[in-house]
């Protein structure tokens, strides 16, 4: 007898390419733990040029990922407040961009789009800011779930109304101008539905930057139709092959995640006593880019009293001082140094493969 584990609920794979650009401004990560009933993708497409757009996308990805990873520790609590939480993490990333540009004026004008599909069982929540598309392939048809915050919808509407030629519209110079993006200022438009999209077994969700849209919807649909029964890794490879076959000299950065839904069942809810969600007490710290802090060297602790060892090393142990004992010169020096010591600013980094 051969035992085989059942298919995972989600089959997930990502593809990324620099395209014809000199540098990569897309940042993407997917978090779907093996055997989990939930997971999410974070994709940010940077703008602002070298040493700005790529920084913006990494800042946005880092902030959003770290916050959502915390909230996903309790998916029931997340779902109870999903739209609020998703809007909150977007605002946090936007605030971080503002702090960064204030500290680094040379990066003024940088920004990033954001799209985050967050799945729990058969339910798909999302937040979207900018023009990075979130696609759903179902029953042979490809549709875009999220809003396009660029001038493209308005230009297409002008074509439908007979006010603009279709060929001119397709190559209109304002077509890719964004009307909403994360830049540290007020966010003009946010697409974050209050109810989730219900998914079915066999659905394929694609979260991508606009670099994938060098392929038409019909071309993407054709690839998905042909390889819909294949693993997500092969679907990702075939989409990249199609893009490379175009050999477009203007090909933008490409990044996307393919999510195949193998299981759309809903598990019965467990009757758990109500408890406070850890998400309520989540500390909000901003990712800061700082110069190397000056650290006070720690003195040797072998000959120090236990109370001073605890203070210097940060231990939580605190022993009472001996009655009538006067502080030594070394103890007084340590106390003075601790009072003058600047706080060490923690730094977080994100590494993209």
C-alpha atoms as a PDB file:
ATOM      1  CA  UNK A   1       0.000   0.000   0.000  1.00  0.00           C
ATOM      2  CA  UNK A   2       1.332   3.433  -0.964  1.00  0.00           C
ATOM      3  CA  UNK A   3       0.269   6.363   1.178  1.00  0.00           C
ATOM      4  CA  UNK A   4       0.005   9.772  -0.413  1.00  0.00           C
ATOM      5  CA  UNK A   5      -0.828  13.024   1.277  1.00  0.00           C
ATOM      6  CA  UNK A   6      -3.779  14.964  -0.096  1.00  0.00           C
ATOM      7  CA  UNK A   7      -3.158  17.914  -2.363  1.00  0.00           C
ATOM      8  CA  UNK A   8      -2.520  21.156  -0.525  1.00  0.00           C
ATOM      9  CA  UNK A   9      -5.381  23.622  -0.475  1.00  0.00           C
ATOM     10  CA  UNK A  10      -3.303  26.101  -2.473  1.00  0.00           C
ATOM     11  CA  UNK A  11      -0.652  25.393  -5.101  1.00  0.00           C
ATOM     12  CA  UNK A  12       1.480  28.547  -5.264  1.00  0.00           C
ATOM     13  CA  UNK A  13       4.423  29.659  -7.414  1.00  0.00           C
ATOM     14  CA  UNK A  14       5.957  33.020  -8.287  1.00  0.00           C
ATOM     15  CA  UNK A  15       7.816  34.349 -11.315  1.00  0.00           C
ATOM     16  CA  UNK A  16      10.025  37.423 -11.543  1.00  0.00           C
ATOM     17  CA  UNK A  17      12.080  38.969 -14.322  1.00  0.00           C
ATOM     18  CA  UNK A  18      13.879  42.252 -14.853  1.00  0.00           C
ATOM     19  CA  UNK A  19      12.523  42.461 -18.383  1.00  0.00           C
ATOM     20  CA  UNK A  20      14.308  45.010 -20.578  1.00  0.00           C
ATOM     21  CA  UNK A  21      14.905  47.457 -17.717  1.00  0.00           C
ATOM     22  CA  UNK A  22      18.301  48.321 -16.266  1.00  0.00           C
ATOM     23  CA  UNK A  23      17.179  47.567 -12.726  1.00  0.00           C
ATOM     24  CA  UNK A  24      14.420  45.797 -10.809  1.00  0.00           C
ATOM     25  CA  UNK A  25      11.778  47.944  -9.094  1.00  0.00           C
ATOM     26  CA  UNK A  26       9.283  45.149  -8.338  1.00  0.00           C
ATOM     27  CA  UNK A  27       9.200  43.461  -4.936  1.00  0.00           C
ATOM     28  CA  UNK A  28       7.084  40.389  -4.245  1.00  0.00           C
ATOM     29  CA  UNK A  29       6.696  37.725  -1.585  1.00  0.00           C
ATOM     30  CA  UNK A  30       4.177  34.958  -0.963  1.00  0.00           C
ATOM     31  CA  UNK A  31       3.499  33.356   2.417  1.00  0.00           C
ATOM     32  CA  UNK A  32       1.598  30.051   2.232  1.00  0.00           C
ATOM     33  CA  UNK A  33       2.922  27.692   4.943  1.00  0.00           C
ATOM     34  CA  UNK A  34       2.740  24.013   4.015  1.00  0.00           C
ATOM     35  CA  UNK A  35      -0.588  22.554   5.067  1.00  0.00           C
ATOM     36  CA  UNK A  36      -2.027  25.924   6.062  1.00  0.00           C
ATOM     37  CA  UNK A  37      -5.602  26.954   5.389  1.00  0.00           C
ATOM     38  CA  UNK A  38      -4.598  30.559   4.740  1.00  0.00           C
ATOM     39  CA  UNK A  39      -1.908  32.649   3.096  1.00  0.00           C
ATOM     40  CA  UNK A  40      -1.204  35.955   1.401  1.00  0.00           C
ATOM     41  CA  UNK A  41       0.886  37.687  -1.259  1.00  0.00           C
ATOM     42  CA  UNK A  42       2.447  41.153  -1.083  1.00  0.00           C
ATOM     43  CA  UNK A  43       3.432  42.833  -4.355  1.00  0.00           C
ATOM     44  CA  UNK A  44       4.783  46.373  -4.740  1.00  0.00           C
ATOM     45  CA  UNK A  45       5.806  47.943  -8.040  1.00  0.00           C
ATOM     46  CA  UNK A  46       8.181  50.850  -7.409  1.00  0.00           C
ATOM     47  CA  UNK A  47       8.371  54.138  -9.268  1.00  0.00           C
ATOM     48  CA  UNK A  48      10.870  56.960  -9.122  1.00  0.00           C
ATOM     49  CA  UNK A  49      13.945  55.636 -10.847  1.00  0.00           C
ATOM     50  CA  UNK A  50      17.066  53.848  -9.706  1.00  0.00           C
ATOM     51  CA  UNK A  51      17.842  54.095  -5.963  1.00  0.00           C
ATOM     52  CA  UNK A  52      14.302  55.326  -5.331  1.00  0.00           C
ATOM     53  CA  UNK A  53      11.662  53.094  -6.931  1.00  0.00           C
ATOM     54  CA  UNK A  54      13.392  49.922  -5.791  1.00  0.00           C
ATOM     55  CA  UNK A  55      13.755  51.354  -2.286  1.00  0.00           C
ATOM     56  CA  UNK A  56      10.069  52.310  -2.201  1.00  0.00           C
ATOM     57  CA  UNK A  57       8.887  48.840  -3.242  1.00  0.00           C
ATOM     58  CA  UNK A  58      11.105  47.128  -0.653  1.00  0.00           C
ATOM     59  CA  UNK A  59       9.941  49.468   2.126  1.00  0.00           C
ATOM     60  CA  UNK A  60       6.293  48.801   1.259  1.00  0.00           C
ATOM     61  CA  UNK A  61       6.821  45.045   1.044  1.00  0.00           C
ATOM     62  CA  UNK A  62       8.707  44.917   4.354  1.00  0.00           C
ATOM     63  CA  UNK A  63       6.104  46.887   6.299  1.00  0.00           C
ATOM     64  CA  UNK A  64       3.075  45.113   4.856  1.00  0.00           C
ATOM     65  CA  UNK A  65       4.553  41.625   5.124  1.00  0.00           C
ATOM     66  CA  UNK A  66       5.683  41.996   8.735  1.00  0.00           C
ATOM     67  CA  UNK A  67       2.310  43.377   9.828  1.00  0.00           C
ATOM     68  CA  UNK A  68       0.238  40.774   7.987  1.00  0.00           C
ATOM     69  CA  UNK A  69       2.432  37.936   9.222  1.00  0.00           C
ATOM     70  CA  UNK A  70       1.607  39.050  12.755  1.00  0.00           C
ATOM     71  CA  UNK A  71      -2.139  39.277  12.079  1.00  0.00           C
ATOM     72  CA  UNK A  72      -2.193  35.874  10.358  1.00  0.00           C
ATOM     73  CA  UNK A  73      -1.128  34.256  13.624  1.00  0.00           C
ATOM     74  CA  UNK A  74      -4.892  34.272  14.330  1.00  0.00           C
ATOM     75  CA  UNK A  75      -6.774  34.058  11.026  1.00  0.00           C
ATOM     76  CA  UNK A  76     -10.191  34.191  12.702  1.00  0.00           C
ATOM     77  CA  UNK A  77      -9.300  37.481  14.343  1.00  0.00           C
ATOM     78  CA  UNK A  78      -7.913  38.694  11.015  1.00  0.00           C
ATOM     79  CA  UNK A  79     -11.122  37.882   9.153  1.00  0.00           C
ATOM     80  CA  UNK A  80     -13.220  39.647  11.779  1.00  0.00           C
ATOM     81  CA  UNK A  81     -11.431  42.892  10.880  1.00  0.00           C
ATOM     82  CA  UNK A  82      -9.909  42.123   7.459  1.00  0.00           C
ATOM     83  CA  UNK A  83     -10.736  45.377   5.586  1.00  0.00           C
ATOM     84  CA  UNK A  84      -9.678  47.477   8.583  1.00  0.00           C
ATOM     85  CA  UNK A  85      -6.409  45.582   8.986  1.00  0.00           C
ATOM     86  CA  UNK A  86      -5.561  45.704   5.279  1.00  0.00           C
ATOM     87  CA  UNK A  87      -6.200  49.449   5.134  1.00  0.00           C
ATOM     88  CA  UNK A  88      -4.140  49.886   8.281  1.00  0.00           C
ATOM     89  CA  UNK A  89      -1.076  48.093   6.885  1.00  0.00           C
ATOM     90  CA  UNK A  90      -1.281  50.159   3.688  1.00  0.00           C
ATOM     91  CA  UNK A  91      -1.412  53.384   5.695  1.00  0.00           C
ATOM     92  CA  UNK A  92       1.548  52.214   7.769  1.00  0.00           C
ATOM     93  CA  UNK A  93       3.599  51.559   4.621  1.00  0.00           C
ATOM     94  CA  UNK A  94       2.599  54.965   3.290  1.00  0.00           C
ATOM     95  CA  UNK A  95       3.685  56.645   6.541  1.00  0.00           C
ATOM     96  CA  UNK A  96       7.026  54.850   6.332  1.00  0.00           C
ATOM     97  CA  UNK A  97       7.588  56.204   2.823  1.00  0.00           C
ATOM     98  CA  UNK A  98       6.839  59.709   4.066  1.00  0.00           C
ATOM     99  CA  UNK A  99       9.354  59.396   6.923  1.00  0.00           C
ATOM    100  CA  UNK A 100      11.964  58.059   4.527  1.00  0.00           C
ATOM    101  CA  UNK A 101      11.609  60.891   2.011  1.00  0.00           C
ATOM    102  CA  UNK A 102      11.688  63.453   4.831  1.00  0.00           C
ATOM    103  CA  UNK A 103      14.999  61.992   6.000  1.00  0.00           C
ATOM    104  CA  UNK A 104      16.313  61.487   2.450  1.00  0.00           C
ATOM    105  CA  UNK A 105      15.199  64.445   0.286  1.00  0.00           C
ATOM    106  CA  UNK A 106      16.964  63.007  -2.762  1.00  0.00           C
ATOM    107  CA  UNK A 107      14.272  60.281  -2.900  1.00  0.00           C
ATOM    108  CA  UNK A 108      11.404  62.799  -3.099  1.00  0.00           C
ATOM    109  CA  UNK A 109       8.845  61.578  -5.633  1.00  0.00           C
ATOM    110  CA  UNK A 110       9.432  57.863  -5.134  1.00  0.00           C
ATOM    111  CA  UNK A 111       6.438  55.628  -4.595  1.00  0.00           C
ATOM    112  CA  UNK A 112       4.991  52.176  -5.168  1.00  0.00           C
ATOM    113  CA  UNK A 113       1.791  50.422  -6.071  1.00  0.00           C
ATOM    114  CA  UNK A 114       0.465  47.762  -3.718  1.00  0.00           C
ATOM    115  CA  UNK A 115      -1.703  44.703  -4.205  1.00  0.00           C
ATOM    116  CA  UNK A 116      -2.292  42.151  -1.453  1.00  0.00           C
ATOM    117  CA  UNK A 117      -4.546  39.119  -1.956  1.00  0.00           C
ATOM    118  CA  UNK A 118      -5.211  37.561   1.457  1.00  0.00           C
ATOM    119  CA  UNK A 119      -6.798  34.101   1.393  1.00  0.00           C
ATOM    120  CA  UNK A 120      -8.537  32.205   4.165  1.00  0.00           C
ATOM    121  CA  UNK A 121     -10.009  28.853   3.090  1.00  0.00           C
ATOM    122  CA  UNK A 122     -12.240  29.699   0.085  1.00  0.00           C
ATOM    123  CA  UNK A 123     -12.385  33.433   0.812  1.00  0.00           C
ATOM    124  CA  UNK A 124     -10.262  36.033  -0.940  1.00  0.00           C
ATOM    125  CA  UNK A 125      -9.784  39.468   0.594  1.00  0.00           C
ATOM    126  CA  UNK A 126      -7.608  42.088  -1.002  1.00  0.00           C
ATOM    127  CA  UNK A 127      -6.341  45.625  -0.918  1.00  0.00           C
ATOM    128  CA  UNK A 128      -5.105  47.344  -4.052  1.00  0.00           C
ATOM    129  CA  UNK A 129      -3.574  50.768  -4.694  1.00  0.00           C
ATOM    130  CA  UNK A 130      -2.293  51.561  -8.180  1.00  0.00           C
ATOM    131  CA  UNK A 131      -2.414  49.607 -11.423  1.00  0.00           C
ATOM    132  CA  UNK A 132      -1.023  46.187 -10.452  1.00  0.00           C
ATOM    133  CA  UNK A 133      -3.726  43.702 -11.503  1.00  0.00           C
ATOM    134  CA  UNK A 134      -5.336  40.896  -9.522  1.00  0.00           C
ATOM    135  CA  UNK A 135      -6.769  38.319 -11.933  1.00  0.00           C
ATOM    136  CA  UNK A 136      -9.223  35.461 -11.460  1.00  0.00           C
ATOM    137  CA  UNK A 137      -9.334  32.652 -14.016  1.00  0.00           C
ATOM    138  CA  UNK A 138     -12.537  30.607 -13.764  1.00  0.00           C
ATOM    139  CA  UNK A 139     -14.261  28.317 -16.252  1.00  0.00           C
ATOM    140  CA  UNK A 140     -12.056  29.423 -19.129  1.00  0.00           C
ATOM    141  CA  UNK A 141     -12.496  33.143 -18.553  1.00  0.00           C
ATOM    142  CA  UNK A 142     -10.005  35.664 -17.186  1.00  0.00           C
ATOM    143  CA  UNK A 143     -11.301  38.686 -15.285  1.00  0.00           C
ATOM    144  CA  UNK A 144      -9.640  41.428 -13.265  1.00  0.00           C
ATOM    145  CA  UNK A 145     -10.946  41.619  -9.712  1.00  0.00           C
ATOM    146  CA  UNK A 146      -9.371  44.871  -8.543  1.00  0.00           C
ATOM    147  CA  UNK A 147      -9.716  48.421  -9.759  1.00  0.00           C
ATOM    148  CA  UNK A 148      -7.159  49.942 -12.119  1.00  0.00           C
ATOM    149  CA  UNK A 149      -5.988  53.227 -10.597  1.00  0.00           C
ATOM    150  CA  UNK A 150      -4.473  54.580 -13.811  1.00  0.00           C
ATOM    151  CA  UNK A 151      -5.743  56.653 -16.732  1.00  0.00           C
ATOM    152  CA  UNK A 152      -6.307  53.491 -18.807  1.00  0.00           C
ATOM    153  CA  UNK A 153      -9.971  52.929 -17.769  1.00  0.00           C
ATOM    154  CA  UNK A 154     -10.856  56.539 -18.628  1.00  0.00           C
ATOM    155  CA  UNK A 155      -9.102  56.308 -21.998  1.00  0.00           C
ATOM    156  CA  UNK A 156     -10.909  53.030 -22.771  1.00  0.00           C
ATOM    157  CA  UNK A 157     -14.209  54.662 -21.815  1.00  0.00           C
ATOM    158  CA  UNK A 158     -13.502  57.434 -24.349  1.00  0.00           C
ATOM    159  CA  UNK A 159     -13.029  54.745 -27.008  1.00  0.00           C
ATOM    160  CA  UNK A 160     -16.362  53.133 -26.104  1.00  0.00           C
ATOM    161  CA  UNK A 161     -18.059  56.533 -26.275  1.00  0.00           C
ATOM    162  CA  UNK A 162     -16.609  57.136 -29.741  1.00  0.00           C
ATOM    163  CA  UNK A 163     -14.467  60.046 -28.556  1.00  0.00           C
ATOM    164  CA  UNK A 164     -11.094  58.431 -29.258  1.00  0.00           C
ATOM    165  CA  UNK A 165      -9.689  56.052 -31.840  1.00  0.00           C
ATOM    166  CA  UNK A 166      -8.912  52.574 -30.479  1.00  0.00           C
ATOM    167  CA  UNK A 167      -5.386  52.491 -31.924  1.00  0.00           C
ATOM    168  CA  UNK A 168      -4.576  55.907 -30.497  1.00  0.00           C
ATOM    169  CA  UNK A 169      -5.951  54.816 -27.129  1.00  0.00           C
ATOM    170  CA  UNK A 170      -3.798  51.680 -27.057  1.00  0.00           C
ATOM    171  CA  UNK A 171      -0.637  53.791 -27.426  1.00  0.00           C
ATOM    172  CA  UNK A 172      -1.794  56.861 -25.523  1.00  0.00           C
ATOM    173  CA  UNK A 173       1.135  58.431 -23.596  1.00  0.00           C
ATOM    174  CA  UNK A 174      -1.058  58.971 -20.507  1.00  0.00           C
ATOM    175  CA  UNK A 175      -2.362  55.419 -20.426  1.00  0.00           C
ATOM    176  CA  UNK A 176      -0.036  54.301 -17.624  1.00  0.00           C
ATOM    177  CA  UNK A 177      -0.282  57.495 -15.561  1.00  0.00           C
ATOM    178  CA  UNK A 178      -1.327  56.572 -12.030  1.00  0.00           C
ATOM    179  CA  UNK A 179      -4.171  58.324 -10.240  1.00  0.00           C
ATOM    180  CA  UNK A 180      -3.453  56.605  -6.905  1.00  0.00           C
ATOM    181  CA  UNK A 181      -0.189  55.291  -5.455  1.00  0.00           C
ATOM    182  CA  UNK A 182       1.699  55.063  -2.157  1.00  0.00           C
ATOM    183  CA  UNK A 183       3.997  58.109  -1.987  1.00  0.00           C
ATOM    184  CA  UNK A 184       3.743  59.270   1.615  1.00  0.00           C
ATOM    185  CA  UNK A 185       0.964  61.743   0.893  1.00  0.00           C
ATOM    186  CA  UNK A 186      -2.784  61.151   1.139  1.00  0.00           C
ATOM    187  CA  UNK A 187      -3.819  58.012  -0.750  1.00  0.00           C
ATOM    188  CA  UNK A 188      -6.283  59.097  -3.436  1.00  0.00           C
ATOM    189  CA  UNK A 189      -8.017  55.754  -4.041  1.00  0.00           C
ATOM    190  CA  UNK A 190      -8.027  52.425  -2.209  1.00  0.00           C
ATOM    191  CA  UNK A 191      -9.711  49.274  -3.474  1.00  0.00           C
ATOM    192  CA  UNK A 192     -10.527  47.131  -0.435  1.00  0.00           C
ATOM    193  CA  UNK A 193     -13.898  45.312  -0.556  1.00  0.00           C
ATOM    194  CA  UNK A 194     -15.838  44.877   2.672  1.00  0.00           C
ATOM    195  CA  UNK A 195     -16.807  41.325   1.669  1.00  0.00           C
ATOM    196  CA  UNK A 196     -14.501  38.617   0.334  1.00  0.00           C
ATOM    197  CA  UNK A 197     -14.626  36.988  -3.101  1.00  0.00           C
ATOM    198  CA  UNK A 198     -15.640  33.345  -2.763  1.00  0.00           C
ATOM    199  CA  UNK A 199     -13.358  30.972  -4.620  1.00  0.00           C
ATOM    200  CA  UNK A 200     -14.110  27.597  -6.184  1.00  0.00           C
ATOM    201  CA  UNK A 201     -11.970  24.526  -6.677  1.00  0.00           C
ATOM    202  CA  UNK A 202     -10.150  24.921  -9.986  1.00  0.00           C
ATOM    203  CA  UNK A 203      -9.921  28.713  -9.763  1.00  0.00           C
ATOM    204  CA  UNK A 204      -6.569  30.315 -10.530  1.00  0.00           C
ATOM    205  CA  UNK A 205      -5.694  33.655  -8.935  1.00  0.00           C
ATOM    206  CA  UNK A 206      -2.829  35.724 -10.359  1.00  0.00           C
ATOM    207  CA  UNK A 207      -1.399  38.698  -8.503  1.00  0.00           C
ATOM    208  CA  UNK A 208       1.001  40.631 -10.717  1.00  0.00           C
ATOM    209  CA  UNK A 209       2.742  43.872 -11.564  1.00  0.00           C
ATOM    210  CA  UNK A 210       1.699  45.584 -14.773  1.00  0.00           C
ATOM    211  CA  UNK A 211       4.706  44.033 -16.526  1.00  0.00           C
ATOM    212  CA  UNK A 212       2.595  40.915 -17.072  1.00  0.00           C
ATOM    213  CA  UNK A 213       0.149  43.027 -19.072  1.00  0.00           C
ATOM    214  CA  UNK A 214       2.545  43.236 -21.990  1.00  0.00           C
ATOM    215  CA  UNK A 215       0.569  40.079 -22.750  1.00  0.00           C
ATOM    216  CA  UNK A 216      -3.056  40.726 -23.600  1.00  0.00           C
ATOM    217  CA  UNK A 217      -5.788  39.213 -21.451  1.00  0.00           C
ATOM    218  CA  UNK A 218      -6.524  36.822 -24.322  1.00  0.00           C
ATOM    219  CA  UNK A 219      -2.896  35.624 -24.357  1.00  0.00           C
ATOM    220  CA  UNK A 220      -2.856  35.109 -20.575  1.00  0.00           C
ATOM    221  CA  UNK A 221      -6.195  33.316 -20.814  1.00  0.00           C
ATOM    222  CA  UNK A 222      -4.830  31.006 -23.523  1.00  0.00           C
ATOM    223  CA  UNK A 223      -1.834  29.987 -21.383  1.00  0.00           C
ATOM    224  CA  UNK A 224      -4.027  29.345 -18.339  1.00  0.00           C
ATOM    225  CA  UNK A 225      -6.506  27.347 -20.416  1.00  0.00           C
ATOM    226  CA  UNK A 226      -3.772  25.122 -21.814  1.00  0.00           C
ATOM    227  CA  UNK A 227      -1.945  24.523 -18.519  1.00  0.00           C
ATOM    228  CA  UNK A 228      -4.775  24.840 -15.991  1.00  0.00           C
ATOM    229  CA  UNK A 229      -4.281  21.211 -14.880  1.00  0.00           C
ATOM    230  CA  UNK A 230      -0.514  21.623 -14.493  1.00  0.00           C
ATOM    231  CA  UNK A 231       1.298  22.666 -11.352  1.00  0.00           C
ATOM    232  CA  UNK A 232       1.537  26.367 -10.610  1.00  0.00           C
ATOM    233  CA  UNK A 233       5.298  26.258 -11.247  1.00  0.00           C
ATOM    234  CA  UNK A 234       4.729  25.239 -14.868  1.00  0.00           C
ATOM    235  CA  UNK A 235       2.052  27.905 -15.343  1.00  0.00           C
ATOM    236  CA  UNK A 236       4.508  30.516 -14.062  1.00  0.00           C
ATOM    237  CA  UNK A 237       7.222  29.250 -16.400  1.00  0.00           C
ATOM    238  CA  UNK A 238       4.892  29.316 -19.415  1.00  0.00           C
ATOM    239  CA  UNK A 239       3.803  32.880 -18.702  1.00  0.00           C
ATOM    240  CA  UNK A 240       7.438  33.980 -18.494  1.00  0.00           C
ATOM    241  CA  UNK A 241       8.167  32.119 -21.748  1.00  0.00           C
ATOM    242  CA  UNK A 242       5.358  33.986 -23.508  1.00  0.00           C
ATOM    243  CA  UNK A 243       6.689  37.333 -22.285  1.00  0.00           C
ATOM    244  CA  UNK A 244      10.249  36.525 -23.351  1.00  0.00           C
ATOM    245  CA  UNK A 245       8.944  35.424 -26.745  1.00  0.00           C
ATOM    246  CA  UNK A 246       7.565  38.919 -27.291  1.00  0.00           C
ATOM    247  CA  UNK A 247      11.123  40.311 -27.128  1.00  0.00           C
ATOM    248  CA  UNK A 248       9.640  43.745 -26.465  1.00  0.00           C
ATOM    249  CA  UNK A 249      12.457  46.323 -26.104  1.00  0.00           C
ATOM    250  CA  UNK A 250      10.264  48.260 -23.659  1.00  0.00           C
ATOM    251  CA  UNK A 251       9.377  45.251 -21.497  1.00  0.00           C
ATOM    252  CA  UNK A 252       8.777  46.414 -17.929  1.00  0.00           C
ATOM    253  CA  UNK A 253       9.824  44.500 -14.803  1.00  0.00           C
ATOM    254  CA  UNK A 254       7.712  41.381 -14.358  1.00  0.00           C
ATOM    255  CA  UNK A 255       6.612  39.832 -11.084  1.00  0.00           C
ATOM    256  CA  UNK A 256       3.606  37.675 -10.331  1.00  0.00           C
ATOM    257  CA  UNK A 257       2.296  34.881  -8.135  1.00  0.00           C
ATOM    258  CA  UNK A 258       0.060  32.081  -9.407  1.00  0.00           C
ATOM    259  CA  UNK A 259      -2.348  30.577  -6.851  1.00  0.00           C
ATOM    260  CA  UNK A 260      -4.219  27.443  -7.875  1.00  0.00           C
ATOM    261  CA  UNK A 261      -7.167  26.622  -5.615  1.00  0.00           C
ATOM    262  CA  UNK A 262      -7.310  22.838  -5.176  1.00  0.00           C
ATOM    263  CA  UNK A 263      -9.689  22.784  -2.233  1.00  0.00           C
ATOM    264  CA  UNK A 264     -12.486  25.300  -1.688  1.00  0.00           C
ATOM    265  CA  UNK A 265     -14.143  23.565   1.260  1.00  0.00           C
ATOM    266  CA  UNK A 266     -15.009  25.420   4.448  1.00  0.00           C
ATOM    267  CA  UNK A 267     -13.980  23.919   7.766  1.00  0.00           C
ATOM    268  CA  UNK A 268     -16.501  24.012  10.631  1.00  0.00           C
ATOM    269  CA  UNK A 269     -15.744  26.747  13.123  1.00  0.00           C
ATOM    270  CA  UNK A 270     -14.398  25.620  16.469  1.00  0.00           C
ATOM    271  CA  UNK A 271     -16.266  26.746  19.557  1.00  0.00           C
ATOM    272  CA  UNK A 272     -13.486  28.582  21.294  1.00  0.00           C
ATOM    273  CA  UNK A 273     -14.006  30.913  24.239  1.00  0.00           C
ATOM    274  CA  UNK A 274     -13.699  34.540  23.178  1.00  0.00           C
ATOM    275  CA  UNK A 275     -10.266  35.998  23.786  1.00  0.00           C
ATOM    276  CA  UNK A 276      -8.506  39.189  22.976  1.00  0.00           C
ATOM    277  CA  UNK A 277      -6.794  39.093  19.618  1.00  0.00           C
ATOM    278  CA  UNK A 278      -3.057  39.753  19.748  1.00  0.00           C
ATOM    279  CA  UNK A 279      -3.609  42.025  16.755  1.00  0.00           C
ATOM    280  CA  UNK A 280      -5.249  44.579  19.042  1.00  0.00           C
ATOM    281  CA  UNK A 281      -2.010  45.179  20.920  1.00  0.00           C
ATOM    282  CA  UNK A 282       0.280  45.177  17.876  1.00  0.00           C
ATOM    283  CA  UNK A 283       3.004  47.820  18.344  1.00  0.00           C
ATOM    284  CA  UNK A 284       3.341  50.049  15.314  1.00  0.00           C
ATOM    285  CA  UNK A 285       7.001  50.645  14.524  1.00  0.00           C
ATOM    286  CA  UNK A 286       8.190  52.229  11.330  1.00  0.00           C
ATOM    287  CA  UNK A 287      11.017  50.848   9.244  1.00  0.00           C
ATOM    288  CA  UNK A 288      13.726  53.493   9.371  1.00  0.00           C
ATOM    289  CA  UNK A 289      16.899  53.824   7.360  1.00  0.00           C
ATOM    290  CA  UNK A 290      19.505  55.139   9.793  1.00  0.00           C
ATOM    291  CA  UNK A 291      23.216  55.744   9.909  1.00  0.00           C
ATOM    292  CA  UNK A 292      25.264  53.240  11.869  1.00  0.00           C
ATOM    293  CA  UNK A 293      24.513  53.994  15.539  1.00  0.00           C
ATOM    294  CA  UNK A 294      27.319  54.652  18.004  1.00  0.00           C
ATOM    295  CA  UNK A 295      27.247  51.863  20.544  1.00  0.00           C
ATOM    296  CA  UNK A 296      28.710  52.182  24.034  1.00  0.00           C
ATOM    297  CA  UNK A 297      31.102  49.237  24.594  1.00  0.00           C
ATOM    298  CA  UNK A 298      29.875  46.950  27.340  1.00  0.00           C
ATOM    299  CA  UNK A 299      32.314  46.669  30.286  1.00  0.00           C
ATOM    300  CA  UNK A 300      33.501  43.326  31.528  1.00  0.00           C
ATOM    301  CA  UNK A 301      30.838  41.954  33.868  1.00  0.00           C
ATOM    302  CA  UNK A 302      32.797  39.329  35.752  1.00  0.00           C
ATOM    303  CA  UNK A 303      33.591  41.554  38.743  1.00  0.00           C
ATOM    304  CA  UNK A 304      30.373  43.596  38.771  1.00  0.00           C
ATOM    305  CA  UNK A 305      27.596  43.220  41.359  1.00  0.00           C
ATOM    306  CA  UNK A 306      24.562  41.230  40.166  1.00  0.00           C
ATOM    307  CA  UNK A 307      22.433  44.369  39.994  1.00  0.00           C
ATOM    308  CA  UNK A 308      24.873  46.016  37.575  1.00  0.00           C
ATOM    309  CA  UNK A 309      25.256  42.881  35.460  1.00  0.00           C
ATOM    310  CA  UNK A 310      21.473  42.915  34.988  1.00  0.00           C
ATOM    311  CA  UNK A 311      21.481  46.586  34.002  1.00  0.00           C
ATOM    312  CA  UNK A 312      24.370  46.277  31.539  1.00  0.00           C
ATOM    313  CA  UNK A 313      23.173  43.081  29.865  1.00  0.00           C
ATOM    314  CA  UNK A 314      19.503  43.993  29.874  1.00  0.00           C
ATOM    315  CA  UNK A 315      18.511  41.022  32.023  1.00  0.00           C
ATOM    316  CA  UNK A 316      15.253  41.207  33.928  1.00  0.00           C
ATOM    317  CA  UNK A 317      16.846  40.048  37.200  1.00  0.00           C
ATOM    318  CA  UNK A 318      17.175  42.770  39.835  1.00  0.00           C
ATOM    319  CA  UNK A 319      18.701  41.999  43.205  1.00  0.00           C
ATOM    320  CA  UNK A 320      18.329  44.397  46.147  1.00  0.00           C
ATOM    321  CA  UNK A 321      21.435  46.316  47.140  1.00  0.00           C
ATOM    322  CA  UNK A 322      23.029  45.490  50.467  1.00  0.00           C
ATOM    323  CA  UNK A 323      21.844  47.788  53.256  1.00  0.00           C
ATOM    324  CA  UNK A 324      24.230  50.658  53.887  1.00  0.00           C
ATOM    325  CA  UNK A 325      26.435  49.806  50.889  1.00  0.00           C
ATOM    326  CA  UNK A 326      27.841  52.803  49.073  1.00  0.00           C
ATOM    327  CA  UNK A 327      28.063  52.643  45.277  1.00  0.00           C
ATOM    328  CA  UNK A 328      31.578  52.088  43.993  1.00  0.00           C
ATOM    329  CA  UNK A 329      33.266  54.479  41.577  1.00  0.00           C
ATOM    330  CA  UNK A 330      32.744  51.943  38.755  1.00  0.00           C
ATOM    331  CA  UNK A 331      29.025  51.638  39.561  1.00  0.00           C
ATOM    332  CA  UNK A 332      28.653  55.428  39.551  1.00  0.00           C
ATOM    333  CA  UNK A 333      30.467  55.595  36.204  1.00  0.00           C
ATOM    334  CA  UNK A 334      28.187  52.942  34.703  1.00  0.00           C
ATOM    335  CA  UNK A 335      25.072  54.757  35.884  1.00  0.00           C
ATOM    336  CA  UNK A 336      26.306  58.015  34.338  1.00  0.00           C
ATOM    337  CA  UNK A 337      27.150  56.268  31.061  1.00  0.00           C
ATOM    338  CA  UNK A 338      23.721  54.582  30.931  1.00  0.00           C
ATOM    339  CA  UNK A 339      22.003  57.952  31.450  1.00  0.00           C
ATOM    340  CA  UNK A 340      23.907  59.528  28.535  1.00  0.00           C
ATOM    341  CA  UNK A 341      23.613  56.538  26.240  1.00  0.00           C
ATOM    342  CA  UNK A 342      21.600  57.066  23.028  1.00  0.00           C
ATOM    343  CA  UNK A 343      18.986  54.433  22.204  1.00  0.00           C
ATOM    344  CA  UNK A 344      19.979  51.901  19.577  1.00  0.00           C
ATOM    345  CA  UNK A 345      17.646  52.049  16.571  1.00  0.00           C
ATOM    346  CA  UNK A 346      16.772  48.584  15.270  1.00  0.00           C
ATOM    347  CA  UNK A 347      16.979  48.069  11.537  1.00  0.00           C
ATOM    348  CA  UNK A 348      15.064  45.666   9.344  1.00  0.00           C
ATOM    349  CA  UNK A 349      16.142  44.519   5.936  1.00  0.00           C
ATOM    350  CA  UNK A 350      14.429  42.585   3.176  1.00  0.00           C
ATOM    351  CA  UNK A 351      16.364  40.397   0.766  1.00  0.00           C
ATOM    352  CA  UNK A 352      14.797  39.446  -2.514  1.00  0.00           C
ATOM    353  CA  UNK A 353      15.972  36.485  -4.548  1.00  0.00           C
END
